[in-house]
Amino acid sequence: MAANNISNGNHDTQNSNSLVQALMTDQYQITMAYAYWQNDRTYERACFDLFFRKNPFGGEFTLYAGLSECVKFIQNFRFTDSDITYLKSVLPPDTQDGFFEHLRQLDCSDVELYSIAEGMVVFPRVPLIRLEGPLGVLQLLETPFLNLINYASLVATNAARFRMAAGPNKSLLEFGLRRAQGPDGGLTASKYSYIGGFDGTSNVLAGKLFGIPLNGTNAHSMIMSFASMDDLKCRTLQPAEGSYPVEFASICERWLGEVCKLCDVLKEQTIKGELAAFIAYARSFPKGFLALVDTYDVMKSGLVNFCAVALALDELGYRPIGIRIDSGDLAYQSIVAREVFTKLGESLQKPWFPKMVIVASNDINEDTLLSLNQQGHSIDSFGIGTHLVTCQKQPALGCVFKLVQVNELPRIKLSHDIEKVTIPGRKQIHRLYGQDGRPLVDLMQQLDEDPPEQGKSVLCRHPFEESKRAYVRPAKVVPLHQLYWKDGKVCQPISSLEETRAVAKQSLQMLREDHKRALNPTPYKVSVSDNLYQFLHELWLQSAPIEELH
């Protein structure tokens, strides 16, 4: 699932996920395709909308992600010989041979894909993707498209919410690989959390495939592997500008005594195995020393041991990075750590010391970040894993793929649940902006309607509630759907990962703050034109059965 550019007509198979293939679908898609084929309906012209019904996480916005993978999928869509052999073994024995030959010849050359730009903020009911093409072919795209869009958009949105909760000036690092739903889930989470606003990942393969900055320090096991200074086999370190190694461990032990005095900590309380581990790690990474300080006791051991090694590195011409805290009261411990850094910096005339980085981890979720902000803290960076990649607050987005037109005849799905009633026909989507440059409303129209114009009032109606309507005079009108695939070719370059990340950032910045707030956010308005409203309700009445009472 690489995130490189795709140029027109370039079949980029090398960086496609090998799991995303024609057989990555539900069985009923194959059986429906057979029914279409047997009834000579495969090549009837159809239109499907892919959309979701409700924003996730109790919020009022969603970040759209996964489009680039959908384009790669239809570029490379085909059934291989081994796929056909397998299908022959699992479909009923009386399945006609001609159907398998039909599958062997299928591709997406007659498909048209219209989509909102990846990374944009999107809202319920608005079609993220409109697919037009042969009915039997589009049916086979349903499950893979939903698979590629649902989780990508969910985790990108989750990441964006973490970013807003943490604030723009804090570093956010994705540490979720070990808790993700399998290897592919781990890679997908790393990729789309970066789009949503995270700064880096611990996932080395994601760094290689997607170019995401890598971050990581060490684990408690590395600290615990040292029981005493006797376990320190190598004690020397070459100064940054020196020619010969010096006795680094002794310098650290000397500084430990000084730090303990200044911090009023008993040197005998410090864990010597922890000091040895820090020395060993600093020897390996003198230019990037960031230590995990909560293995035993942050205040009585970890913090002073770190400061001793940090000052020893400084003496040899290196600049340490900071600490990570992975347990306990993160707000309190970060404040105390910053006070210690400040005190030592002032006492020893080391102006860089108070500025060292404090990283916090420990099963952090969005509510934790909001609480830390209320408490006050001195954390610079957050390492976030489980709650980000598993989206524990809400495990699925709920995108759906619905037929809206066949052979120029709009189709509607009815339900006693109004949320599940579909909006029929091929539609154009425009985002209307106010004088302040922020989005006011997304407007759905029939494809043959004149688009709204800047400065001219347009009636915007709630799709189902007759009394909810308003005239909107937009200062700017932006069509949301762009043509990405037609005649077997990509119609415009697909955004790179960095470009999509920039789109997401800008799109979120333009959204009003009350739409983004964590508590009771204001719903964003999604409307239909008056023509589409009238047509929707006429078709609804025509399609709904009339009851007869006895």
Protein backbone atom coordinates (compact mmCIF):
# COMPACT_ATOMS: atom_id res chain seq x y z
CA MET A 1 0.00 0.00 0.00
CA ALA A 2 2.66 2.50 -0.98
CA ALA A 3 1.81 6.14 -1.36
CA ASN A 4 3.75 7.25 -4.41
CA ASN A 5 2.47 9.31 -7.31
CA ILE A 6 0.59 7.58 -10.11
CA SER A 7 0.94 9.20 -13.49
CA ASN A 8 -1.58 8.87 -16.30
CA GLY A 9 -1.71 5.38 -17.71
CA ASN A 10 1.07 4.07 -15.49
CA HIS A 11 0.13 0.68 -14.03
CA ASP A 12 1.94 0.87 -10.73
CA THR A 13 1.80 -2.74 -9.59
CA GLN A 14 5.08 -2.75 -7.68
CA ASN A 15 3.79 -0.64 -4.82
CA SER A 16 0.27 -2.05 -4.60
CA ASN A 17 -0.69 -4.17 -1.64
CA SER A 18 -0.58 -7.79 -2.80
CA LEU A 19 -3.68 -8.58 -0.74
CA VAL A 20 -5.80 -6.06 -2.67
CA GLN A 21 -6.87 -8.17 -5.62
CA ALA A 22 -10.06 -9.21 -7.39
CA LEU A 23 -10.69 -12.10 -4.98
CA MET A 24 -10.55 -9.78 -1.95
CA THR A 25 -14.32 -9.62 -1.94
CA ASP A 26 -17.41 -11.19 -0.41
CA GLN A 27 -18.80 -14.32 -1.99
CA TYR A 28 -22.15 -12.73 -2.69
CA GLN A 29 -20.45 -10.25 -5.03
CA ILE A 30 -19.38 -13.20 -7.18
CA THR A 31 -22.80 -14.84 -7.04
CA MET A 32 -24.51 -11.55 -7.98
CA ALA A 33 -22.07 -11.14 -10.85
CA TYR A 34 -23.09 -14.61 -12.03
CA ALA A 35 -26.78 -13.72 -11.80
CA TYR A 36 -26.19 -10.52 -13.82
CA TRP A 37 -24.24 -12.49 -16.42
CA GLN A 38 -26.80 -15.28 -16.70
CA ASN A 39 -29.59 -12.76 -17.13
CA ASP A 40 -27.65 -10.69 -19.68
CA ARG A 41 -27.40 -7.64 -17.41
CA THR A 42 -23.65 -7.39 -16.85
CA TYR A 43 -23.11 -4.50 -19.26
CA GLU A 44 -26.14 -2.42 -18.39
CA ARG A 45 -24.97 1.05 -17.39
CA ALA A 46 -25.15 1.65 -13.64
CA CYS A 47 -24.12 4.21 -11.05
CA PHE A 48 -23.13 3.53 -7.43
CA ASP A 49 -22.44 6.01 -4.62
CA LEU A 50 -19.98 5.30 -1.80
CA PHE A 51 -20.79 7.33 1.33
CA PHE A 52 -21.23 7.08 5.10
CA ARG A 53 -24.23 7.92 7.24
CA LYS A 54 -22.73 9.30 10.46
CA ASN A 55 -19.47 10.96 11.50
CA PRO A 56 -17.33 8.83 13.85
CA PHE A 57 -16.23 9.35 17.46
CA GLY A 58 -19.21 11.55 18.35
CA GLY A 59 -17.78 14.28 16.14
CA GLU A 60 -19.09 16.27 13.20
CA PHE A 61 -16.37 15.79 10.59
CA THR A 62 -14.52 12.98 8.83
CA LEU A 63 -11.24 12.95 6.90
CA TYR A 64 -11.50 11.15 3.57
CA ALA A 65 -8.69 8.70 2.84
CA GLY A 66 -8.02 5.62 0.73
CA LEU A 67 -8.71 7.00 -2.76
CA SER A 68 -5.20 6.33 -4.09
CA GLU A 69 -5.52 2.65 -3.22
CA CYS A 70 -8.90 2.45 -4.96
CA VAL A 71 -7.39 3.87 -8.13
CA LYS A 72 -4.54 1.35 -7.96
CA PHE A 73 -7.08 -1.41 -7.45
CA ILE A 74 -9.08 -0.65 -10.59
CA GLN A 75 -5.86 -0.14 -12.56
CA ASN A 76 -4.81 -3.69 -11.76
CA PHE A 77 -8.24 -5.34 -11.51
CA ARG A 78 -8.35 -8.77 -13.13
CA PHE A 79 -9.01 -12.40 -12.31
CA THR A 80 -5.93 -14.57 -12.71
CA ASP A 81 -5.89 -18.18 -13.89
CA SER A 82 -5.42 -19.35 -10.31
CA ASP A 83 -8.40 -17.18 -9.25
CA ILE A 84 -10.57 -18.85 -11.89
CA THR A 85 -9.40 -22.31 -10.82
CA TYR A 86 -10.31 -21.53 -7.23
CA LEU A 87 -13.73 -20.11 -8.11
CA LYS A 88 -14.52 -23.24 -10.13
CA SER A 89 -13.84 -25.28 -7.01
CA VAL A 90 -16.12 -23.28 -4.69
CA LEU A 91 -19.06 -22.20 -6.87
CA PRO A 92 -21.88 -24.68 -7.52
CA PRO A 93 -20.85 -27.42 -9.98
CA ASP A 94 -23.59 -26.41 -12.42
CA THR A 95 -22.09 -22.90 -12.83
CA GLN A 96 -21.71 -22.39 -16.57
CA ASP A 97 -18.17 -22.42 -17.96
CA GLY A 98 -18.89 -19.28 -19.96
CA PHE A 99 -19.08 -17.28 -16.75
CA PHE A 100 -15.51 -18.16 -15.83
CA GLU A 101 -14.31 -17.13 -19.27
CA HIS A 102 -16.28 -13.90 -18.80
CA LEU A 103 -14.48 -13.23 -15.50
CA ARG A 104 -11.14 -13.92 -17.14
CA GLN A 105 -11.76 -11.10 -19.62
CA LEU A 106 -13.06 -8.51 -17.16
CA ASP A 107 -11.27 -5.23 -16.46
CA CYS A 108 -12.25 -1.68 -15.48
CA SER A 109 -11.68 -0.01 -18.84
CA ASP A 110 -15.39 0.95 -19.08
CA VAL A 111 -15.56 2.29 -15.52
CA GLU A 112 -15.62 6.00 -14.62
CA LEU A 113 -14.55 7.06 -11.13
CA TYR A 114 -15.48 10.47 -9.74
CA SER A 115 -14.25 11.37 -6.28
CA ILE A 116 -13.67 14.06 -3.71
CA ALA A 117 -9.95 14.81 -3.30
CA GLU A 118 -8.25 12.53 -0.79
CA GLY A 119 -7.55 14.29 2.50
CA MET A 120 -10.60 16.56 2.34
CA VAL A 121 -12.97 16.96 5.27
CA VAL A 122 -16.22 15.20 4.33
CA PHE A 123 -19.68 14.73 5.81
CA PRO A 124 -22.52 12.19 5.99
CA ARG A 125 -24.57 11.32 2.89
CA VAL A 126 -22.22 13.13 0.51
CA PRO A 127 -20.91 10.59 -2.04
CA LEU A 128 -17.16 10.31 -1.54
CA ILE A 129 -16.98 8.31 -4.75
CA ARG A 130 -19.38 8.02 -7.70
CA LEU A 131 -18.75 5.02 -9.91
CA GLU A 132 -20.32 4.65 -13.35
CA GLY A 133 -19.96 1.65 -15.61
CA PRO A 134 -21.16 -1.89 -16.33
CA LEU A 135 -23.44 -3.14 -13.57
CA GLY A 136 -21.69 -6.52 -13.23
CA VAL A 137 -18.24 -4.93 -12.99
CA LEU A 138 -19.20 -2.22 -10.49
CA GLN A 139 -20.80 -4.85 -8.26
CA LEU A 140 -17.42 -6.57 -7.96
CA LEU A 141 -15.82 -3.31 -6.77
CA GLU A 142 -18.13 -2.85 -3.76
CA THR A 143 -16.34 -4.84 -1.08
CA PRO A 144 -12.74 -3.89 -1.95
CA PHE A 145 -13.63 -0.19 -2.23
CA LEU A 146 -15.37 -0.25 1.14
CA ASN A 147 -12.41 -2.09 2.64
CA LEU A 148 -9.96 0.48 1.29
CA ILE A 149 -11.99 3.56 2.32
CA ASN A 150 -13.59 2.60 5.65
CA TYR A 151 -10.57 2.02 7.88
CA ALA A 152 -8.33 4.52 6.11
CA SER A 153 -10.84 7.33 6.68
CA LEU A 154 -11.57 6.18 10.23
CA VAL A 155 -7.94 6.14 11.38
CA ALA A 156 -7.13 9.40 9.57
CA THR A 157 -10.07 11.04 11.36
CA ASN A 158 -8.99 9.53 14.68
CA ALA A 159 -5.48 10.89 14.15
CA ALA A 160 -6.87 14.33 13.34
CA ARG A 161 -8.86 14.32 16.58
CA PHE A 162 -5.72 13.36 18.53
CA ARG A 163 -3.89 16.20 16.81
CA MET A 164 -6.56 18.74 17.77
CA ALA A 165 -6.65 17.47 21.35
CA ALA A 166 -2.86 17.64 21.69
CA GLY A 167 -2.54 21.04 20.04
CA PRO A 168 -0.57 22.15 16.99
CA ASN A 169 2.79 22.50 18.74
CA LYS A 170 3.07 19.03 20.27
CA SER A 171 4.77 16.15 18.48
CA LEU A 172 2.58 13.08 17.92
CA LEU A 173 4.21 9.70 17.29
CA GLU A 174 2.34 6.57 16.20
CA PHE A 175 3.45 3.58 18.29
CA GLY A 176 0.64 1.17 17.42
CA LEU A 177 2.13 -1.66 15.36
CA ARG A 178 2.18 -4.22 18.18
CA ARG A 179 -1.49 -3.57 18.96
CA ALA A 180 -2.82 -3.21 15.42
CA GLN A 181 -5.15 -5.70 13.74
CA GLY A 182 -2.53 -7.71 11.93
CA PRO A 183 0.39 -6.61 9.76
CA ASP A 184 -1.71 -4.93 7.09
CA GLY A 185 -3.74 -3.09 9.71
CA GLY A 186 -0.50 -1.89 11.26
CA LEU A 187 0.82 -0.51 7.97
CA THR A 188 -2.50 1.10 7.09
CA ALA A 189 -2.69 2.75 10.52
CA SER A 190 0.84 4.15 10.18
CA LYS A 191 0.11 5.57 6.75
CA TYR A 192 -3.23 7.20 7.48
CA SER A 193 -2.41 8.47 10.96
CA TYR A 194 0.39 10.41 9.23
CA ILE A 195 -2.18 11.90 6.83
CA GLY A 196 -4.32 12.80 9.84
CA GLY A 197 -1.57 14.86 11.46
CA PHE A 198 0.89 12.57 13.26
CA ASP A 199 4.56 13.45 12.88
CA GLY A 200 6.17 10.02 12.79
CA THR A 201 5.88 6.31 13.41
CA SER A 202 7.79 3.53 15.13
CA ASN A 203 6.85 1.18 12.25
CA VAL A 204 10.07 0.64 10.30
CA LEU A 205 8.37 -0.96 7.29
CA ALA A 206 5.96 1.98 7.06
CA GLY A 207 8.98 4.27 7.09
CA LYS A 208 10.49 2.37 4.18
CA LEU A 209 7.30 2.05 2.11
CA PHE A 210 5.78 5.47 2.70
CA GLY A 211 8.69 7.73 3.69
CA ILE A 212 7.16 8.51 7.10
CA PRO A 213 9.74 9.80 9.64
CA LEU A 214 10.80 7.08 12.11
CA ASN A 215 10.90 7.58 15.87
CA GLY A 216 11.73 5.26 18.72
CA THR A 217 13.93 4.84 21.77
CA ASN A 218 14.12 1.66 23.82
CA ALA A 219 11.93 -0.54 26.02
CA HIS A 220 12.01 -1.49 29.68
CA SER A 221 13.62 -4.82 28.78
CA MET A 222 16.79 -3.06 27.64
CA ILE A 223 16.99 -1.19 30.96
CA MET A 224 16.22 -4.32 32.96
CA SER A 225 18.87 -6.35 31.17
CA PHE A 226 21.53 -4.44 33.15
CA ALA A 227 21.68 -5.42 36.83
CA SER A 228 24.73 -3.37 37.83
CA MET A 229 27.65 -1.40 36.48
CA ASP A 230 29.48 -4.72 36.13
CA ASP A 231 27.21 -5.49 33.16
CA LEU A 232 28.70 -2.51 31.33
CA LYS A 233 31.27 -4.22 29.11
CA CYS A 234 32.28 -1.11 27.19
CA ARG A 235 32.91 2.05 29.22
CA THR A 236 34.53 4.44 26.77
CA LEU A 237 33.17 6.99 24.28
CA GLN A 238 34.98 9.08 21.73
CA PRO A 239 34.32 12.81 22.18
CA ALA A 240 32.47 14.58 19.39
CA GLU A 241 35.62 16.41 18.37
CA GLY A 242 38.27 14.22 19.96
CA SER A 243 40.60 11.65 18.49
CA TYR A 244 40.68 9.11 21.30
CA PRO A 245 37.97 7.46 23.43
CA VAL A 246 37.71 8.54 27.06
CA GLU A 247 36.36 6.83 30.20
CA PHE A 248 32.72 7.78 29.68
CA ALA A 249 31.23 5.64 32.49
CA SER A 250 33.39 7.32 35.12
CA ILE A 251 32.32 10.75 33.90
CA CYS A 252 28.67 9.65 34.23
CA GLU A 253 29.23 8.40 37.77
CA ARG A 254 30.90 11.67 38.71
CA TRP A 255 27.98 13.66 37.35
CA LEU A 256 25.52 11.40 39.17
CA GLY A 257 26.94 12.53 42.49
CA GLU A 258 26.63 16.18 41.49
CA VAL A 259 23.07 15.77 40.22
CA CYS A 260 21.94 13.93 43.36
CA LYS A 261 23.25 16.77 45.53
CA LEU A 262 21.53 19.45 43.47
CA CYS A 263 18.25 17.49 43.33
CA ASP A 264 18.38 16.40 46.98
CA VAL A 265 18.25 12.70 46.05
CA LEU A 266 20.20 10.01 47.85
CA LYS A 267 22.73 8.54 45.47
CA GLU A 268 22.27 5.16 47.19
CA GLN A 269 18.62 5.10 46.09
CA THR A 270 19.46 5.24 42.40
CA ILE A 271 19.44 1.98 40.49
CA LYS A 272 22.94 1.26 39.21
CA GLY A 273 21.71 -1.19 36.58
CA GLU A 274 19.55 1.58 35.13
CA LEU A 275 22.56 3.93 35.05
CA ALA A 276 24.55 1.24 33.25
CA ALA A 277 21.77 0.81 30.68
CA PHE A 278 21.63 4.55 30.06
CA ILE A 279 25.42 4.67 29.60
CA ALA A 280 25.29 1.76 27.17
CA TYR A 281 22.50 3.36 25.16
CA ALA A 282 24.19 6.76 25.16
CA ARG A 283 27.39 5.14 23.86
CA SER A 284 25.39 3.70 20.97
CA PHE A 285 23.44 6.89 20.23
CA PRO A 286 25.40 9.86 21.59
CA LYS A 287 23.69 12.24 19.14
CA GLY A 288 20.19 10.95 19.84
CA PHE A 289 20.08 10.01 23.50
CA LEU A 290 16.47 9.80 24.72
CA ALA A 291 15.95 7.53 27.72
CA LEU A 292 12.96 5.71 29.18
CA VAL A 293 13.05 6.76 32.84
CA ASP A 294 10.13 4.95 34.52
CA THR A 295 11.48 1.38 34.76
CA TYR A 296 11.98 1.65 38.53
CA ASP A 297 11.21 5.11 39.91
CA VAL A 298 11.11 8.29 37.85
CA MET A 299 11.91 10.74 40.64
CA LYS A 300 14.38 8.80 42.76
CA SER A 301 16.32 7.03 40.03
CA GLY A 302 15.37 7.39 36.37
CA LEU A 303 15.45 11.17 36.16
CA VAL A 304 18.74 11.70 38.00
CA ASN A 305 20.42 8.82 36.16
CA PHE A 306 19.37 10.39 32.87
CA CYS A 307 20.59 13.85 33.88
CA ALA A 308 23.99 12.43 34.88
CA VAL A 309 24.45 10.73 31.51
CA ALA A 310 23.12 13.80 29.70
CA LEU A 311 25.66 16.05 31.39
CA ALA A 312 28.44 13.58 30.65
CA LEU A 313 27.46 13.59 26.97
CA ASP A 314 27.50 17.40 27.02
CA GLU A 315 30.99 17.33 28.51
CA LEU A 316 32.12 15.29 25.49
CA GLY A 317 30.45 17.60 22.99
CA TYR A 318 27.12 15.85 22.41
CA ARG A 319 23.62 17.20 22.94
CA PRO A 320 21.13 14.76 24.54
CA ILE A 321 17.49 14.76 23.42
CA GLY A 322 15.34 14.05 26.50
CA ILE A 323 13.26 11.47 28.35
CA ARG A 324 10.20 9.27 27.91
CA ILE A 325 7.71 8.50 30.69
CA ASP A 326 5.48 5.46 30.18
CA SER A 327 3.52 5.13 33.42
CA GLY A 328 2.11 6.95 36.42
CA ASP A 329 0.81 10.51 36.67
CA LEU A 330 2.07 11.90 33.38
CA ALA A 331 1.13 15.53 34.07
CA TYR A 332 2.76 15.65 37.51
CA GLN A 333 5.89 13.75 36.50
CA SER A 334 6.40 15.91 33.41
CA ILE A 335 6.13 19.09 35.49
CA VAL A 336 8.64 17.79 38.06
CA ALA A 337 11.00 16.68 35.28
CA ARG A 338 10.85 20.14 33.70
CA GLU A 339 11.54 21.73 37.09
CA VAL A 340 14.58 19.49 37.54
CA PHE A 341 15.82 20.34 34.04
CA THR A 342 15.36 24.05 34.77
CA LYS A 343 17.06 23.87 38.15
CA LEU A 344 20.08 22.01 36.76
CA GLY A 345 20.25 24.29 33.74
CA GLU A 346 20.38 27.37 35.94
CA SER A 347 22.72 25.89 38.56
CA LEU A 348 25.19 24.54 36.01
CA GLN A 349 24.75 27.37 33.48
CA LYS A 350 23.47 25.01 30.79
CA PRO A 351 20.78 27.06 28.98
CA TRP A 352 19.86 24.10 26.74
CA PHE A 353 19.05 21.80 29.64
CA PRO A 354 15.53 23.13 30.47
CA LYS A 355 14.58 22.73 26.79
CA MET A 356 15.09 18.98 26.62
CA VAL A 357 12.19 16.95 25.25
CA ILE A 358 9.72 15.12 27.48
CA VAL A 359 7.86 12.31 25.71
CA ALA A 360 4.84 10.59 27.28
CA SER A 361 3.21 7.31 26.36
CA ASN A 362 1.09 4.79 28.35
CA ASP A 363 -2.19 3.92 26.61
CA ILE A 364 -3.06 7.53 25.82
CA ASN A 365 -6.42 8.31 24.25
CA GLU A 366 -8.14 11.51 23.11
CA ASP A 367 -9.75 12.07 26.51
CA THR A 368 -6.35 11.68 28.19
CA LEU A 369 -4.93 14.48 26.05
CA LEU A 370 -7.86 16.77 26.86
CA SER A 371 -7.47 15.99 30.57
CA LEU A 372 -3.72 16.65 30.48
CA ASN A 373 -4.39 20.03 28.91
CA GLN A 374 -6.81 20.88 31.74
CA GLN A 375 -4.31 19.75 34.41
CA GLY A 376 -1.37 21.53 32.88
CA HIS A 377 1.71 19.56 31.85
CA SER A 378 5.20 19.94 30.42
CA ILE A 379 5.03 17.18 27.79
CA ASP A 380 6.45 17.98 24.35
CA SER A 381 5.61 14.77 22.53
CA PHE A 382 3.13 11.93 22.82
CA GLY A 383 3.63 8.33 21.74
CA ILE A 384 0.19 6.89 20.99
CA GLY A 385 -0.61 3.31 20.02
CA THR A 386 -3.61 1.22 20.99
CA HIS A 387 -6.36 3.84 21.01
CA LEU A 388 -5.15 5.33 17.74
CA VAL A 389 -4.67 2.27 15.56
CA THR A 390 -7.56 0.19 16.89
CA CYS A 391 -9.91 3.19 17.03
CA GLN A 392 -11.23 1.88 20.34
CA LYS A 393 -13.71 4.73 20.67
CA GLN A 394 -15.46 3.52 17.48
CA PRO A 395 -14.25 0.47 15.57
CA ALA A 396 -15.84 1.14 12.16
CA LEU A 397 -16.89 4.11 10.04
CA GLY A 398 -19.78 2.41 8.26
CA CYS A 399 -19.30 3.46 4.64
CA VAL A 400 -21.85 1.94 2.27
CA PHE A 401 -21.95 1.34 -1.48
CA LYS A 402 -25.42 1.88 -2.93
CA LEU A 403 -26.92 1.56 -6.40
CA VAL A 404 -28.48 4.90 -7.38
CA GLN A 405 -29.14 4.47 -11.11
CA VAL A 406 -29.46 1.77 -13.79
CA ASN A 407 -29.94 2.47 -17.51
CA GLU A 408 -30.70 6.16 -16.84
CA LEU A 409 -33.40 5.16 -14.32
CA PRO A 410 -32.67 6.49 -10.81
CA ARG A 411 -33.09 3.94 -8.05
CA ILE A 412 -33.92 4.45 -4.37
CA LYS A 413 -33.57 2.18 -1.35
CA LEU A 414 -36.35 2.69 1.17
CA SER A 415 -36.30 1.91 4.88
CA HIS A 416 -38.30 2.61 8.03
CA ASP A 417 -35.00 4.05 9.27
CA ILE A 418 -34.76 7.43 7.51
CA GLU A 419 -30.95 7.35 7.77
CA LYS A 420 -30.92 4.35 5.41
CA VAL A 421 -33.01 5.91 2.65
CA THR A 422 -30.71 6.65 -0.29
CA ILE A 423 -30.65 9.76 -2.47
CA PRO A 424 -31.27 8.55 -6.04
CA GLY A 425 -29.60 9.35 -9.33
CA ARG A 426 -26.27 10.69 -10.51
CA LYS A 427 -25.39 13.79 -8.52
CA GLN A 428 -22.99 16.70 -8.60
CA ILE A 429 -21.65 18.03 -5.29
CA HIS A 430 -20.60 21.58 -4.49
CA ARG A 431 -19.18 23.08 -1.32
CA LEU A 432 -20.49 26.58 -0.65
CA TYR A 433 -18.25 28.99 1.30
CA GLY A 434 -19.17 32.09 3.29
CA GLN A 435 -17.62 35.54 3.34
CA ASP A 436 -15.15 34.39 6.02
CA GLY A 437 -13.74 31.75 3.68
CA ARG A 438 -15.14 28.85 5.68
CA PRO A 439 -17.48 26.14 4.35
CA LEU A 440 -21.20 26.77 4.93
CA VAL A 441 -22.91 23.80 3.36
CA ASP A 442 -22.38 20.90 0.93
CA LEU A 443 -25.06 20.93 -1.77
CA MET A 444 -26.12 17.89 -3.79
CA GLN A 445 -27.83 18.49 -7.14
CA GLN A 446 -29.01 16.44 -10.07
CA LEU A 447 -26.33 16.15 -12.71
CA ASP A 448 -28.25 18.23 -15.29
CA GLU A 449 -28.90 21.19 -12.97
CA ASP A 450 -27.06 24.46 -13.33
CA PRO A 451 -24.40 24.62 -10.61
CA PRO A 452 -24.70 27.30 -7.92
CA GLU A 453 -22.97 30.60 -8.65
CA GLN A 454 -20.89 32.88 -6.50
CA GLY A 455 -22.95 35.73 -5.09
CA LYS A 456 -26.33 34.28 -6.18
CA SER A 457 -28.82 32.82 -3.71
CA VAL A 458 -29.55 29.12 -3.96
CA LEU A 459 -32.21 27.21 -2.01
CA CYS A 460 -30.65 24.47 0.11
CA ARG A 461 -33.00 21.87 1.60
CA HIS A 462 -32.66 19.10 4.15
CA PRO A 463 -33.10 15.83 2.22
CA PHE A 464 -35.96 14.58 4.40
CA GLU A 465 -37.25 17.35 6.68
CA GLU A 466 -39.49 19.72 4.74
CA SER A 467 -39.24 22.66 7.13
CA LYS A 468 -35.45 22.72 7.18
CA ARG A 469 -34.39 24.94 4.30
CA ALA A 470 -32.43 28.13 3.72
CA TYR A 471 -31.25 30.40 0.97
CA VAL A 472 -27.47 30.51 0.77
CA ARG A 473 -25.53 33.20 -1.08
CA PRO A 474 -22.03 31.72 -1.39
CA ALA A 475 -18.91 33.84 -1.61
CA LYS A 476 -17.19 30.89 -3.29
CA VAL A 477 -18.41 27.66 -4.93
CA VAL A 478 -16.14 24.62 -5.23
CA PRO A 479 -17.18 21.45 -7.12
CA LEU A 480 -16.12 18.46 -5.01
CA HIS A 481 -16.18 15.62 -7.53
CA GLN A 482 -13.26 15.25 -9.93
CA LEU A 483 -12.82 12.60 -12.63
CA TYR A 484 -9.99 10.23 -11.64
CA TRP A 485 -10.44 7.25 -13.96
CA LYS A 486 -11.95 6.83 -17.44
CA ASP A 487 -11.26 4.75 -20.56
CA GLY A 488 -8.77 2.61 -18.66
CA LYS A 489 -6.56 5.55 -17.68
CA VAL A 490 -5.89 7.72 -14.65
CA CYS A 491 -7.19 11.16 -15.60
CA GLN A 492 -5.05 13.17 -13.22
CA PRO A 493 -2.08 12.48 -10.96
CA ILE A 494 -2.93 10.99 -7.60
CA SER A 495 -1.64 13.02 -4.65
CA SER A 496 1.47 11.84 -2.84
CA LEU A 497 1.31 11.09 0.86
CA GLU A 498 2.77 14.49 1.73
CA GLU A 499 0.35 16.28 -0.61
CA THR A 500 -2.62 14.44 0.91
CA ARG A 501 -1.39 15.30 4.40
CA ALA A 502 -1.23 18.98 3.38
CA VAL A 503 -4.78 18.82 1.95
CA ALA A 504 -6.04 17.35 5.23
CA LYS A 505 -4.33 20.04 7.29
CA GLN A 506 -5.68 22.87 5.16
CA SER A 507 -9.18 21.40 4.96
CA LEU A 508 -9.35 21.06 8.76
CA GLN A 509 -8.04 24.59 9.28
CA MET A 510 -10.82 26.00 7.08
CA LEU A 511 -13.55 24.22 9.07
CA ARG A 512 -15.24 26.30 11.77
CA GLU A 513 -14.05 25.63 15.31
CA ASP A 514 -17.53 24.77 16.56
CA HIS A 515 -17.70 21.91 14.03
CA LYS A 516 -14.42 20.51 15.42
CA ARG A 517 -14.86 20.93 19.17
CA ALA A 518 -14.77 17.78 21.29
CA LEU A 519 -17.92 18.52 23.30
CA ASN A 520 -21.27 19.07 21.54
CA PRO A 521 -19.88 20.05 18.12
CA THR A 522 -22.19 21.87 15.71
CA PRO A 523 -23.42 19.61 12.86
CA TYR A 524 -22.30 20.69 9.40
CA LYS A 525 -25.15 21.13 6.94
CA VAL A 526 -25.50 18.75 3.99
CA SER A 527 -28.34 19.76 1.68
CA VAL A 528 -30.03 18.97 -1.59
CA SER A 529 -31.30 21.36 -4.23
CA ASP A 530 -35.02 22.01 -4.49
CA ASN A 531 -35.18 19.98 -7.72
CA LEU A 532 -33.46 16.99 -6.13
CA TYR A 533 -35.67 17.27 -3.05
CA GLN A 534 -38.85 17.17 -5.15
CA PHE A 535 -37.56 14.31 -7.29
CA LEU A 536 -36.43 12.30 -4.24
CA HIS A 537 -39.82 12.51 -2.58
CA GLU A 538 -41.78 11.80 -5.77
CA LEU A 539 -39.70 8.65 -6.38
CA TRP A 540 -40.12 7.71 -2.72
CA LEU A 541 -43.91 7.83 -3.07
CA GLN A 542 -43.83 5.91 -6.35
CA SER A 543 -41.60 3.18 -4.90
CA ALA A 544 -43.27 2.74 -1.51
CA PRO A 545 -46.05 0.13 -1.40
CA ILE A 546 -49.50 1.40 -0.41
CA GLU A 547 -51.05 -0.45 2.48
CA GLU A 548 -54.63 -1.73 2.36
CA LEU A 549 -56.49 -1.90 5.65
CA HIS A 550 -59.25 -4.44 6.33
